[in-house]
C-alpha atoms as a PDB file:
ATOM      1  CA  MET A   1      25.361  -1.928 -58.035  1.00  0.00           C
ATOM      2  CA  GLY A   2      25.341  -4.983 -55.940  1.00  0.00           C
ATOM      3  CA  PHE A   3      26.560  -3.194 -52.678  1.00  0.00           C
ATOM      4  CA  PHE A   4      24.039  -0.352 -53.230  1.00  0.00           C
ATOM      5  CA  SER A   5      21.069  -2.692 -53.977  1.00  0.00           C
ATOM      6  CA  ASN A   6      21.762  -4.543 -50.761  1.00  0.00           C
ATOM      7  CA  LEU A   7      22.249  -1.250 -48.645  1.00  0.00           C
ATOM      8  CA  PHE A   8      19.081   0.368 -49.958  1.00  0.00           C
ATOM      9  CA  ARG A   9      16.896  -2.765 -50.079  1.00  0.00           C
ATOM     10  CA  GLY A  10      13.083  -2.175 -50.330  1.00  0.00           C
ATOM     11  CA  ARG A  11      10.532  -3.635 -48.472  1.00  0.00           C
ATOM     12  CA  ASP A  12       9.646  -6.280 -50.957  1.00  0.00           C
ATOM     13  CA  ALA A  13       9.969  -9.062 -48.241  1.00  0.00           C
ATOM     14  CA  PRO A  14       8.932  -7.493 -45.006  1.00  0.00           C
ATOM     15  CA  SER A  15       9.462  -9.391 -41.791  1.00  0.00           C
ATOM     16  CA  ASN A  16       7.477  -7.498 -39.267  1.00  0.00           C
ATOM     17  CA  SER A  17       6.950  -9.930 -36.296  1.00  0.00           C
ATOM     18  CA  THR A  18       6.495 -10.189 -32.499  1.00  0.00           C
ATOM     19  CA  ALA A  19       7.506 -13.707 -32.877  1.00  0.00           C
ATOM     20  CA  GLY A  20      10.872 -15.283 -32.102  1.00  0.00           C
ATOM     21  CA  SER A  21      13.790 -14.266 -29.842  1.00  0.00           C
ATOM     22  CA  GLY A  22      14.056 -10.662 -31.185  1.00  0.00           C
ATOM     23  CA  TYR A  23      11.023  -9.552 -29.570  1.00  0.00           C
ATOM     24  CA  GLY A  24      11.158 -11.810 -26.568  1.00  0.00           C
ATOM     25  CA  PHE A  25      14.540 -10.392 -25.618  1.00  0.00           C
ATOM     26  CA  PHE A  26      12.919  -7.140 -24.309  1.00  0.00           C
ATOM     27  CA  MET A  27      11.049  -8.904 -21.296  1.00  0.00           C
ATOM     28  CA  GLY A  28      12.554 -11.007 -18.556  1.00  0.00           C
ATOM     29  CA  SER A  29      15.354 -10.521 -16.269  1.00  0.00           C
ATOM     30  CA  THR A  30      17.217  -7.199 -15.551  1.00  0.00           C
ATOM     31  CA  ALA A  31      20.713  -5.874 -14.390  1.00  0.00           C
ATOM     32  CA  SER A  32      19.083  -5.876 -10.949  1.00  0.00           C
ATOM     33  CA  GLY A  33      18.343  -9.427 -11.093  1.00  0.00           C
ATOM     34  CA  LYS A  34      14.478  -9.130 -10.843  1.00  0.00           C
ATOM     35  CA  ARG A  35      12.354 -10.193 -13.718  1.00  0.00           C
ATOM     36  CA  VAL A  36      10.002  -7.670 -15.025  1.00  0.00           C
ATOM     37  CA  ASN A  37       6.736  -8.094 -16.911  1.00  0.00           C
ATOM     38  CA  ALA A  38       3.753  -6.129 -17.369  1.00  0.00           C
ATOM     39  CA  ARG A  39       2.065  -7.431 -14.140  1.00  0.00           C
ATOM     40  CA  SER A  40       4.850  -7.120 -11.792  1.00  0.00           C
ATOM     41  CA  ALA A  41       5.661  -3.722 -13.243  1.00  0.00           C
ATOM     42  CA  MET A  42       1.988  -2.732 -12.187  1.00  0.00           C
ATOM     43  CA  GLN A  43       2.684  -3.524  -8.541  1.00  0.00           C
ATOM     44  CA  MET A  44       5.128  -0.460  -8.484  1.00  0.00           C
ATOM     45  CA  THR A  45       3.131   2.455  -7.432  1.00  0.00           C
ATOM     46  CA  ALA A  46       4.529   4.805  -9.942  1.00  0.00           C
ATOM     47  CA  VAL A  47       3.912   2.625 -12.894  1.00  0.00           C
ATOM     48  CA  TYR A  48       0.268   1.760 -11.775  1.00  0.00           C
ATOM     49  CA  SER A  49      -0.386   5.575 -11.189  1.00  0.00           C
ATOM     50  CA  CYS A  50       0.889   6.447 -14.758  1.00  0.00           C
ATOM     51  CA  VAL A  51      -0.957   3.912 -16.391  1.00  0.00           C
ATOM     52  CA  ARG A  52      -4.158   4.508 -14.460  1.00  0.00           C
ATOM     53  CA  ILE A  53      -4.042   8.460 -15.129  1.00  0.00           C
ATOM     54  CA  LEU A  54      -3.297   7.917 -18.953  1.00  0.00           C
ATOM     55  CA  SER A  55      -5.843   5.335 -19.291  1.00  0.00           C
ATOM     56  CA  GLU A  56      -8.742   7.127 -17.702  1.00  0.00           C
ATOM     57  CA  ALA A  57      -7.658  10.433 -19.232  1.00  0.00           C
ATOM     58  CA  VAL A  58      -7.692   8.979 -22.877  1.00  0.00           C
ATOM     59  CA  ALA A  59     -10.952   6.897 -22.115  1.00  0.00           C
ATOM     60  CA  GLY A  60     -12.607  10.111 -20.823  1.00  0.00           C
ATOM     61  CA  LEU A  61     -11.988  12.171 -23.994  1.00  0.00           C
ATOM     62  CA  PRO A  62     -15.156  12.793 -26.172  1.00  0.00           C
ATOM     63  CA  LEU A  63     -15.274  10.339 -29.149  1.00  0.00           C
ATOM     64  CA  GLN A  64     -17.232  11.620 -32.008  1.00  0.00           C
ATOM     65  CA  PHE A  65     -17.930   9.975 -35.522  1.00  0.00           C
ATOM     66  CA  TYR A  66     -17.854  12.268 -38.612  1.00  0.00           C
ATOM     67  CA  ARG A  67     -18.513  11.903 -42.432  1.00  0.00           C
ATOM     68  CA  TYR A  68     -17.624  14.236 -45.095  1.00  0.00           C
ATOM     69  CA  ASN A  69     -20.536  15.915 -46.790  1.00  0.00           C
ATOM     70  CA  ASP A  70     -20.978  17.088 -50.392  1.00  0.00           C
ATOM     71  CA  ASN A  71     -19.604  20.605 -49.484  1.00  0.00           C
ATOM     72  CA  GLY A  72     -16.383  19.293 -48.563  1.00  0.00           C
ATOM     73  CA  GLY A  73     -17.075  19.902 -44.977  1.00  0.00           C
ATOM     74  CA  LYS A  74     -17.811  17.254 -42.122  1.00  0.00           C
ATOM     75  CA  GLU A  75     -20.885  16.466 -40.251  1.00  0.00           C
ATOM     76  CA  LYS A  76     -21.552  14.171 -37.193  1.00  0.00           C
ATOM     77  CA  ALA A  77     -22.500  10.829 -38.351  1.00  0.00           C
ATOM     78  CA  VAL A  78     -24.732   9.650 -35.518  1.00  0.00           C
ATOM     79  CA  ASP A  79     -26.699   7.227 -37.883  1.00  0.00           C
ATOM     80  CA  HIS A  80     -23.435   5.281 -38.971  1.00  0.00           C
ATOM     81  CA  PRO A  81     -23.426   1.784 -37.658  1.00  0.00           C
ATOM     82  CA  LEU A  82     -20.025   2.413 -36.138  1.00  0.00           C
ATOM     83  CA  TYR A  83     -21.260   5.295 -33.962  1.00  0.00           C
ATOM     84  CA  PHE A  84     -22.898   3.224 -31.478  1.00  0.00           C
ATOM     85  CA  LEU A  85     -20.057   0.786 -31.259  1.00  0.00           C
ATOM     86  CA  LEU A  86     -17.323   3.509 -30.595  1.00  0.00           C
ATOM     87  CA  HIS A  87     -19.415   6.055 -28.825  1.00  0.00           C
ATOM     88  CA  ASP A  88     -21.724   3.948 -26.570  1.00  0.00           C
ATOM     89  CA  GLU A  89     -21.129   0.295 -26.463  1.00  0.00           C
ATOM     90  CA  PRO A  90     -18.337  -1.885 -28.402  1.00  0.00           C
ATOM     91  CA  ASN A  91     -19.960  -5.010 -26.981  1.00  0.00           C
ATOM     92  CA  PRO A  92     -22.567  -6.067 -24.668  1.00  0.00           C
ATOM     93  CA  GLU A  93     -19.940  -6.291 -21.670  1.00  0.00           C
ATOM     94  CA  MET A  94     -18.290  -3.083 -21.991  1.00  0.00           C
ATOM     95  CA  THR A  95     -19.039   0.580 -22.219  1.00  0.00           C
ATOM     96  CA  SER A  96     -16.993   2.774 -24.459  1.00  0.00           C
ATOM     97  CA  PHE A  97     -15.019   4.199 -21.558  1.00  0.00           C
ATOM     98  CA  VAL A  98     -14.135   0.882 -20.269  1.00  0.00           C
ATOM     99  CA  PHE A  99     -13.281  -0.551 -23.630  1.00  0.00           C
ATOM    100  CA  ARG A 100     -10.965   2.539 -24.478  1.00  0.00           C
ATOM    101  CA  GLU A 101      -9.486   2.423 -20.982  1.00  0.00           C
ATOM    102  CA  THR A 102      -8.593  -1.411 -21.404  1.00  0.00           C
ATOM    103  CA  LEU A 103      -6.896  -0.726 -24.833  1.00  0.00           C
ATOM    104  CA  MET A 104      -4.908   2.411 -23.451  1.00  0.00           C
ATOM    105  CA  THR A 105      -3.759  -0.121 -20.511  1.00  0.00           C
ATOM    106  CA  HIS A 106      -2.717  -2.704 -23.047  1.00  0.00           C
ATOM    107  CA  LEU A 107      -1.067  -0.060 -25.194  1.00  0.00           C
ATOM    108  CA  LEU A 108       0.974   1.406 -22.247  1.00  0.00           C
ATOM    109  CA  LEU A 109       2.022  -1.991 -20.723  1.00  0.00           C
ATOM    110  CA  TRP A 110       2.575  -4.130 -23.881  1.00  0.00           C
ATOM    111  CA  GLY A 111       2.999  -1.516 -26.594  1.00  0.00           C
ATOM    112  CA  ASN A 112       0.187  -3.140 -28.554  1.00  0.00           C
ATOM    113  CA  ALA A 113      -3.596  -3.149 -28.295  1.00  0.00           C
ATOM    114  CA  TYR A 114      -5.770  -5.690 -30.012  1.00  0.00           C
ATOM    115  CA  SER A 115      -9.409  -6.104 -30.541  1.00  0.00           C
ATOM    116  CA  GLN A 116     -11.174  -8.912 -32.254  1.00  0.00           C
ATOM    117  CA  ILE A 117     -13.698  -7.556 -34.729  1.00  0.00           C
ATOM    118  CA  ILE A 118     -17.004  -9.643 -34.818  1.00  0.00           C
ATOM    119  CA  ARG A 119     -19.113  -9.256 -37.844  1.00  0.00           C
ATOM    120  CA  ASN A 120     -22.771 -10.494 -38.757  1.00  0.00           C
ATOM    121  CA  GLY A 121     -23.563 -12.614 -41.897  1.00  0.00           C
ATOM    122  CA  LYS A 122     -23.597  -9.511 -43.952  1.00  0.00           C
ATOM    123  CA  GLY A 123     -20.128  -8.525 -43.001  1.00  0.00           C
ATOM    124  CA  GLU A 124     -21.046  -5.703 -40.746  1.00  0.00           C
ATOM    125  CA  ILE A 125     -19.226  -4.967 -37.617  1.00  0.00           C
ATOM    126  CA  VAL A 126     -21.362  -5.827 -34.664  1.00  0.00           C
ATOM    127  CA  ALA A 127     -18.982  -5.828 -31.731  1.00  0.00           C
ATOM    128  CA  LEU A 128     -15.446  -5.199 -30.651  1.00  0.00           C
ATOM    129  CA  TYR A 129     -13.692  -7.274 -27.984  1.00  0.00           C
ATOM    130  CA  PRO A 130     -10.175  -6.598 -26.416  1.00  0.00           C
ATOM    131  CA  LEU A 131      -7.685  -9.352 -26.727  1.00  0.00           C
ATOM    132  CA  MET A 132      -4.720  -9.777 -24.453  1.00  0.00           C
ATOM    133  CA  PRO A 133      -1.447  -8.625 -26.045  1.00  0.00           C
ATOM    134  CA  ASP A 134       0.653 -11.196 -24.287  1.00  0.00           C
ATOM    135  CA  ARG A 135      -1.302 -14.173 -26.082  1.00  0.00           C
ATOM    136  CA  MET A 136      -1.171 -12.588 -29.368  1.00  0.00           C
ATOM    137  CA  THR A 137       1.560 -13.032 -32.052  1.00  0.00           C
ATOM    138  CA  VAL A 138       1.956 -11.021 -35.207  1.00  0.00           C
ATOM    139  CA  ASP A 139       3.826 -12.427 -38.189  1.00  0.00           C
ATOM    140  CA  ARG A 140       4.041 -12.895 -41.884  1.00  0.00           C
ATOM    141  CA  ASP A 141       3.433 -16.048 -43.914  1.00  0.00           C
ATOM    142  CA  GLU A 142       5.728 -17.217 -46.726  1.00  0.00           C
ATOM    143  CA  HIS A 143       4.044 -14.867 -49.127  1.00  0.00           C
ATOM    144  CA  GLY A 144       4.609 -11.712 -46.995  1.00  0.00           C
ATOM    145  CA  ARG A 145       1.149 -11.598 -46.028  1.00  0.00           C
ATOM    146  CA  LEU A 146       0.227 -10.459 -42.409  1.00  0.00           C
ATOM    147  CA  TYR A 147      -1.477 -12.702 -40.020  1.00  0.00           C
ATOM    148  CA  TYR A 148      -2.437 -12.799 -36.220  1.00  0.00           C
ATOM    149  CA  GLU A 149      -2.363 -15.768 -34.053  1.00  0.00           C
ATOM    150  CA  TYR A 150      -4.070 -15.903 -30.624  1.00  0.00           C
ATOM    151  CA  LEU A 151      -3.640 -18.308 -27.756  1.00  0.00           C
ATOM    152  CA  VAL A 152      -7.087 -19.472 -26.816  1.00  0.00           C
ATOM    153  CA  TYR A 153      -7.361 -21.574 -23.647  1.00  0.00           C
ATOM    154  CA  ASP A 154      -9.882 -24.378 -22.970  1.00  0.00           C
ATOM    155  CA  GLY A 155     -11.754 -22.423 -20.711  1.00  0.00           C
ATOM    156  CA  ASP A 156     -12.286 -19.295 -22.891  1.00  0.00           C
ATOM    157  CA  ASP A 157     -15.570 -18.557 -24.441  1.00  0.00           C
ATOM    158  CA  VAL A 158     -16.395 -19.104 -27.937  1.00  0.00           C
ATOM    159  CA  ASP A 159     -14.522 -15.852 -29.177  1.00  0.00           C
ATOM    160  CA  GLY A 160     -11.727 -16.291 -26.768  1.00  0.00           C
ATOM    161  CA  ARG A 161     -12.217 -13.018 -25.036  1.00  0.00           C
ATOM    162  CA  THR A 162     -11.761 -14.063 -21.385  1.00  0.00           C
ATOM    163  CA  GLY A 163      -8.582 -15.192 -19.679  1.00  0.00           C
ATOM    164  CA  THR A 164      -8.518 -18.372 -17.870  1.00  0.00           C
ATOM    165  CA  ASP A 165      -5.964 -20.672 -15.985  1.00  0.00           C
ATOM    166  CA  PRO A 166      -2.588 -20.248 -17.489  1.00  0.00           C
ATOM    167  CA  LYS A 167      -1.888 -23.931 -16.791  1.00  0.00           C
ATOM    168  CA  ALA A 168      -4.771 -24.965 -18.779  1.00  0.00           C
ATOM    169  CA  ASN A 169      -4.315 -26.342 -22.338  1.00  0.00           C
ATOM    170  CA  GLY A 170      -4.487 -23.849 -25.092  1.00  0.00           C
ATOM    171  CA  LYS A 171      -4.714 -23.809 -28.817  1.00  0.00           C
ATOM    172  CA  ILE A 172      -3.648 -21.363 -31.504  1.00  0.00           C
ATOM    173  CA  VAL A 173      -6.324 -19.445 -33.321  1.00  0.00           C
ATOM    174  CA  ARG A 174      -5.180 -17.603 -36.646  1.00  0.00           C
ATOM    175  CA  LEU A 175      -6.997 -14.457 -37.114  1.00  0.00           C
ATOM    176  CA  HIS A 176      -7.223 -12.556 -40.537  1.00  0.00           C
ATOM    177  CA  PRO A 177      -5.952  -8.827 -40.414  1.00  0.00           C
ATOM    178  CA  ALA A 178      -9.469  -7.755 -41.226  1.00  0.00           C
ATOM    179  CA  ASP A 179     -10.783  -9.324 -38.285  1.00  0.00           C
ATOM    180  CA  VAL A 180      -8.277  -7.612 -35.854  1.00  0.00           C
ATOM    181  CA  LEU A 181      -8.100  -4.027 -34.601  1.00  0.00           C
ATOM    182  CA  HIS A 182      -4.476  -3.489 -33.910  1.00  0.00           C
ATOM    183  CA  ILE A 183      -3.253  -0.397 -32.460  1.00  0.00           C
ATOM    184  CA  PRO A 184       0.667  -0.290 -32.330  1.00  0.00           C
ATOM    185  CA  GLY A 185       2.633   1.805 -29.908  1.00  0.00           C
ATOM    186  CA  LEU A 186       5.887   3.328 -30.522  1.00  0.00           C
ATOM    187  CA  GLY A 187       8.093   0.819 -32.643  1.00  0.00           C
ATOM    188  CA  PHE A 188      10.812   0.744 -35.295  1.00  0.00           C
ATOM    189  CA  ASP A 189       8.705  -0.303 -38.254  1.00  0.00           C
ATOM    190  CA  GLY A 190       5.310   1.408 -37.405  1.00  0.00           C
ATOM    191  CA  LEU A 191       3.443  -1.830 -37.459  1.00  0.00           C
ATOM    192  CA  VAL A 192       4.443  -3.614 -34.301  1.00  0.00           C
ATOM    193  CA  GLY A 193       4.847  -1.492 -31.107  1.00  0.00           C
ATOM    194  CA  TYR A 194       7.318  -2.284 -28.310  1.00  0.00           C
ATOM    195  CA  SER A 195       6.482  -2.323 -24.760  1.00  0.00           C
ATOM    196  CA  PRO A 196       7.379   0.644 -22.511  1.00  0.00           C
ATOM    197  CA  ILE A 197       7.789  -1.542 -19.711  1.00  0.00           C
ATOM    198  CA  ALA A 198      10.249  -3.819 -21.545  1.00  0.00           C
ATOM    199  CA  MET A 199      12.173  -0.685 -22.490  1.00  0.00           C
ATOM    200  CA  ALA A 200      12.369   0.555 -19.134  1.00  0.00           C
ATOM    201  CA  LYS A 201      12.800  -2.971 -17.308  1.00  0.00           C
ATOM    202  CA  ASN A 202      16.203  -1.982 -15.838  1.00  0.00           C
ATOM    203  CA  ALA A 203      14.897   1.051 -14.092  1.00  0.00           C
ATOM    204  CA  ILE A 204      11.638  -0.764 -12.956  1.00  0.00           C
ATOM    205  CA  GLY A 205      13.653  -3.985 -11.840  1.00  0.00           C
ATOM    206  CA  LEU A 206      15.919  -1.540  -9.656  1.00  0.00           C
ATOM    207  CA  ALA A 207      12.771   0.033  -8.098  1.00  0.00           C
ATOM    208  CA  ILE A 208      11.242  -3.410  -7.359  1.00  0.00           C
ATOM    209  CA  ALA A 209      14.576  -4.635  -5.895  1.00  0.00           C
ATOM    210  CA  ALA A 210      15.041  -1.376  -3.800  1.00  0.00           C
ATOM    211  CA  GLU A 211      11.309  -1.942  -2.579  1.00  0.00           C
ATOM    212  CA  GLU A 212      11.911  -5.412  -1.628  1.00  0.00           C
ATOM    213  CA  TYR A 213      15.273  -4.500   0.173  1.00  0.00           C
ATOM    214  CA  ALA A 214      13.341  -1.690   2.062  1.00  0.00           C
ATOM    215  CA  ARG A 215      10.723  -4.109   3.129  1.00  0.00           C
ATOM    216  CA  LEU A 216      13.177  -6.874   4.193  1.00  0.00           C
ATOM    217  CA  ALA A 217      15.529  -4.041   5.879  1.00  0.00           C
ATOM    218  CA  ALA A 218      12.309  -2.889   7.749  1.00  0.00           C
ATOM    219  CA  ASP A 219      11.580  -6.247   9.109  1.00  0.00           C
ATOM    220  CA  ASP A 220      15.135  -6.591  10.195  1.00  0.00           C
ATOM    221  CA  VAL A 221      15.111  -3.256  11.699  1.00  0.00           C
ATOM    222  CA  LYS A 222      11.978  -4.026  13.709  1.00  0.00           C
ATOM    223  CA  LYS A 223      13.715  -7.151  15.081  1.00  0.00           C
ATOM    224  CA  ALA A 224      16.605  -4.909  16.110  1.00  0.00           C
ATOM    225  CA  VAL A 225      14.241  -2.700  17.918  1.00  0.00           C
ATOM    226  CA  LYS A 226      12.564  -5.583  19.770  1.00  0.00           C
ATOM    227  CA  LYS A 227      16.047  -6.969  20.786  1.00  0.00           C
ATOM    228  CA  ALA A 228      17.140  -3.445  21.920  1.00  0.00           C
ATOM    229  CA  GLY A 229      13.937  -3.034  24.083  1.00  0.00           C
ATOM    230  CA  THR A 230      13.994  -6.563  25.440  1.00  0.00           C
ATOM    231  CA  GLN A 231      17.700  -5.940  26.427  1.00  0.00           C
ATOM    232  CA  ALA A 232      17.068  -2.615  28.107  1.00  0.00           C
ATOM    233  CA  ARG A 233      14.346  -4.064  30.156  1.00  0.00           C
ATOM    234  CA  LYS A 234      16.433  -6.862  31.343  1.00  0.00           C
ATOM    235  CA  ASP A 235      19.301  -4.618  32.330  1.00  0.00           C
ATOM    236  CA  ILE A 236      17.233  -2.362  34.345  1.00  0.00           C
ATOM    237  CA  GLN A 237      15.684  -5.434  36.204  1.00  0.00           C
ATOM    238  CA  GLU A 238      19.130  -6.821  37.005  1.00  0.00           C
ATOM    239  CA  ASN A 239      20.738  -3.548  38.021  1.00  0.00           C
ATOM    240  CA  ALA A 240      17.875  -1.907  39.898  1.00  0.00           C
ATOM    241  CA  PRO A 241      18.138  -1.501  43.611  1.00  0.00           C
ATOM    242  CA  VAL A 242      16.774  -4.421  45.368  1.00  0.00           C
ATOM    243  CA  LYS A 243      14.710  -4.464  48.488  1.00  0.00           C
ATOM    244  CA  THR A 244      11.591  -6.300  47.954  1.00  0.00           C
ATOM    245  CA  GLY A 245      12.172  -7.053  44.367  1.00  0.00           C
ATOM    246  CA  ALA A 246       8.933  -5.557  43.352  1.00  0.00           C
ATOM    247  CA  TYR A 247      10.498  -2.463  41.734  1.00  0.00           C
ATOM    248  CA  ALA A 248      12.686  -4.528  39.444  1.00  0.00           C
ATOM    249  CA  LYS A 249       9.565  -6.892  38.573  1.00  0.00           C
ATOM    250  CA  SER A 250       7.656  -3.717  37.632  1.00  0.00           C
ATOM    251  CA  TRP A 251       9.605  -3.050  34.480  1.00  0.00           C
ATOM    252  CA  ALA A 252       8.178  -4.053  31.108  1.00  0.00           C
ATOM    253  CA  ALA A 253       8.653  -3.340  27.490  1.00  0.00           C
ATOM    254  CA  LYS A 254       5.612  -2.579  25.193  1.00  0.00           C
ATOM    255  CA  THR A 255       5.230  -1.970  21.601  1.00  0.00           C
ATOM    256  CA  THR A 256       3.184   1.348  21.239  1.00  0.00           C
ATOM    257  CA  LYS A 257       3.357   2.021  17.588  1.00  0.00           C
ATOM    258  CA  GLU A 258       3.964  -0.220  14.526  1.00  0.00           C
ATOM    259  CA  THR A 259       3.617   0.555  10.936  1.00  0.00           C
ATOM    260  CA  ALA A 260       5.000  -1.260   7.794  1.00  0.00           C
ATOM    261  CA  ASN A 261       8.352   0.554   8.052  1.00  0.00           C
ATOM    262  CA  ALA A 262       8.604   1.582  11.744  1.00  0.00           C
ATOM    263  CA  MET A 263       8.275   0.205  15.267  1.00  0.00           C
ATOM    264  CA  GLU A 264       8.175   2.206  18.614  1.00  0.00           C
ATOM    265  CA  ILE A 265       8.792   0.361  21.731  1.00  0.00           C
ATOM    266  CA  VAL A 266       8.594   1.906  25.393  1.00  0.00           C
ATOM    267  CA  VAL A 267      10.325   0.417  28.404  1.00  0.00           C
ATOM    268  CA  TYR A 268       8.725   1.455  31.574  1.00  0.00           C
ATOM    269  CA  SER A 269       7.605   0.654  35.188  1.00  0.00           C
ATOM    270  CA  ARG A 270       4.016  -0.601  35.257  1.00  0.00           C
ATOM    271  CA  ASN A 271       3.366   0.427  39.055  1.00  0.00           C
ATOM    272  CA  ARG A 272       6.501   1.791  40.481  1.00  0.00           C
ATOM    273  CA  TYR A 273       7.003   4.686  38.197  1.00  0.00           C
ATOM    274  CA  GLN A 274       7.093   7.372  41.051  1.00  0.00           C
ATOM    275  CA  LEU A 275      10.228   5.651  42.354  1.00  0.00           C
ATOM    276  CA  VAL A 276      12.141   5.741  39.042  1.00  0.00           C
ATOM    277  CA  HIS A 277      13.541   9.278  39.168  1.00  0.00           C
ATOM    278  CA  LEU A 278      14.232   9.052  43.027  1.00  0.00           C
ATOM    279  CA  LEU A 279      16.324   5.859  42.624  1.00  0.00           C
ATOM    280  CA  GLU A 280      17.984   6.897  39.611  1.00  0.00           C
ATOM    281  CA  PHE A 281      19.358  10.117  40.779  1.00  0.00           C
ATOM    282  CA  GLY A 282      18.830  10.044  44.519  1.00  0.00           C
ATOM    283  CA  HIS A 283      16.916  12.538  46.423  1.00  0.00           C
ATOM    284  CA  ALA A 284      17.133  14.949  49.246  1.00  0.00           C
ATOM    285  CA  LEU A 285      16.310  13.883  52.911  1.00  0.00           C
ATOM    286  CA  ARG A 286      14.152  16.018  55.197  1.00  0.00           C
ATOM    287  CA  LYS A 287      16.960  15.970  57.884  1.00  0.00           C
ATOM    288  CA  GLY A 288      19.492  17.141  55.303  1.00  0.00           C
ATOM    289  CA  GLY A 289      21.689  15.440  52.927  1.00  0.00           C
ATOM    290  CA  ARG A 290      20.800  13.043  49.904  1.00  0.00           C
ATOM    291  CA  THR A 291      20.312   9.398  49.475  1.00  0.00           C
ATOM    292  CA  ARG A 292      22.536   7.325  47.282  1.00  0.00           C
ATOM    293  CA  ALA A 293      21.783   7.382  43.629  1.00  0.00           C
ATOM    294  CA  PHE A 294      21.472   3.956  41.759  1.00  0.00           C
ATOM    295  CA  PRO A 295      21.909   4.533  38.154  1.00  0.00           C
ATOM    296  CA  HIS A 296      20.297   1.677  36.390  1.00  0.00           C
ATOM    297  CA  ILE A 297      18.246   3.495  33.579  1.00  0.00           C
ATOM    298  CA  ALA A 298      21.007   5.359  31.914  1.00  0.00           C
ATOM    299  CA  PRO A 299      23.453   2.562  31.493  1.00  0.00           C
ATOM    300  CA  ALA A 300      20.674   0.274  30.139  1.00  0.00           C
ATOM    301  CA  GLU A 301      19.574   2.950  27.656  1.00  0.00           C
ATOM    302  CA  GLU A 302      23.355   3.311  26.394  1.00  0.00           C
ATOM    303  CA  ARG A 303      23.789  -0.310  25.962  1.00  0.00           C
ATOM    304  CA  ALA A 304      20.493  -0.682  24.400  1.00  0.00           C
ATOM    305  CA  ALA A 305      21.446   2.085  21.764  1.00  0.00           C
ATOM    306  CA  GLN A 306      24.597   0.425  21.232  1.00  0.00           C
ATOM    307  CA  THR A 307      22.723  -2.994  20.412  1.00  0.00           C
ATOM    308  CA  LEU A 308      20.338  -1.161  18.156  1.00  0.00           C
ATOM    309  CA  GLU A 309      23.163   0.429  16.212  1.00  0.00           C
ATOM    310  CA  ARG A 310      24.939  -2.918  15.872  1.00  0.00           C
ATOM    311  CA  GLU A 311      21.902  -4.949  14.774  1.00  0.00           C
ATOM    312  CA  VAL A 312      20.860  -2.196  12.168  1.00  0.00           C
ATOM    313  CA  GLU A 313      24.255  -2.206  10.649  1.00  0.00           C
ATOM    314  CA  LYS A 314      24.170  -6.115  10.592  1.00  0.00           C
ATOM    315  CA  ALA A 315      20.767  -6.144   8.782  1.00  0.00           C
ATOM    316  CA  LEU A 316      21.646  -3.467   6.225  1.00  0.00           C
ATOM    317  CA  ARG A 317      25.018  -5.272   5.191  1.00  0.00           C
END
């Protein structure tokens, strides 16, 4: 029986917790080398869009309060003390929509949503305030009783509701389960939820790395485009036919379009553009015959293209 008693052990001594290395393992470094947490993940467009759409959709759903009547049915309990808190205003600083949107955001990012329950002297609930999940610890004492510990910074208000400078000295406040509204997300024990961001950290880290690489590559490609444009201008000036030198000096390179990921540079003659085609290919004479051609643009374009290709390959290695 000893083997089976150990194998099918009951939950006489539960150990649900978000404390310790077991839970902290899920956040942090990834296979891509990028550290992923809830805030860095929100900088990804896909993550932000999903969180915003889901949070706003849930917050916009109608929220009603019902009670069972003597006939076994149910009816709206608009006169119940909790109706106003849940339907209209959970606290003086938030509407019901903002409150639910905030909790849903916490649930999607951290896998848990917490609210502090504020009571009056009679024990009646008078307000609900969201608490930051990354500052909450859920654990059990030596007797197996559940408790919550919340990190409160010196600059927080009396209820510890607002975040402050993370460098400020903080203190731990222990909260009774009756004073915390805890909504866990998907988890292994039904008590503590695991962060969807943490579970997908490798995919998110890879996306962050790819985005940073694209940004760095775009900067390097822009430098390559500038270098190729400058080289094309110099080559044209050096190989242009010289009579007075005015034609060669008329050539310039100008950026005509630039975005976060692209750049367009035009090499052109400022005030001798009428001569470009005539000098490059030659032209017919009135008395017959043709003038000599001075190919100085096509060779410059070819060398600039080679330079651009070489610099881009170097940047992407």
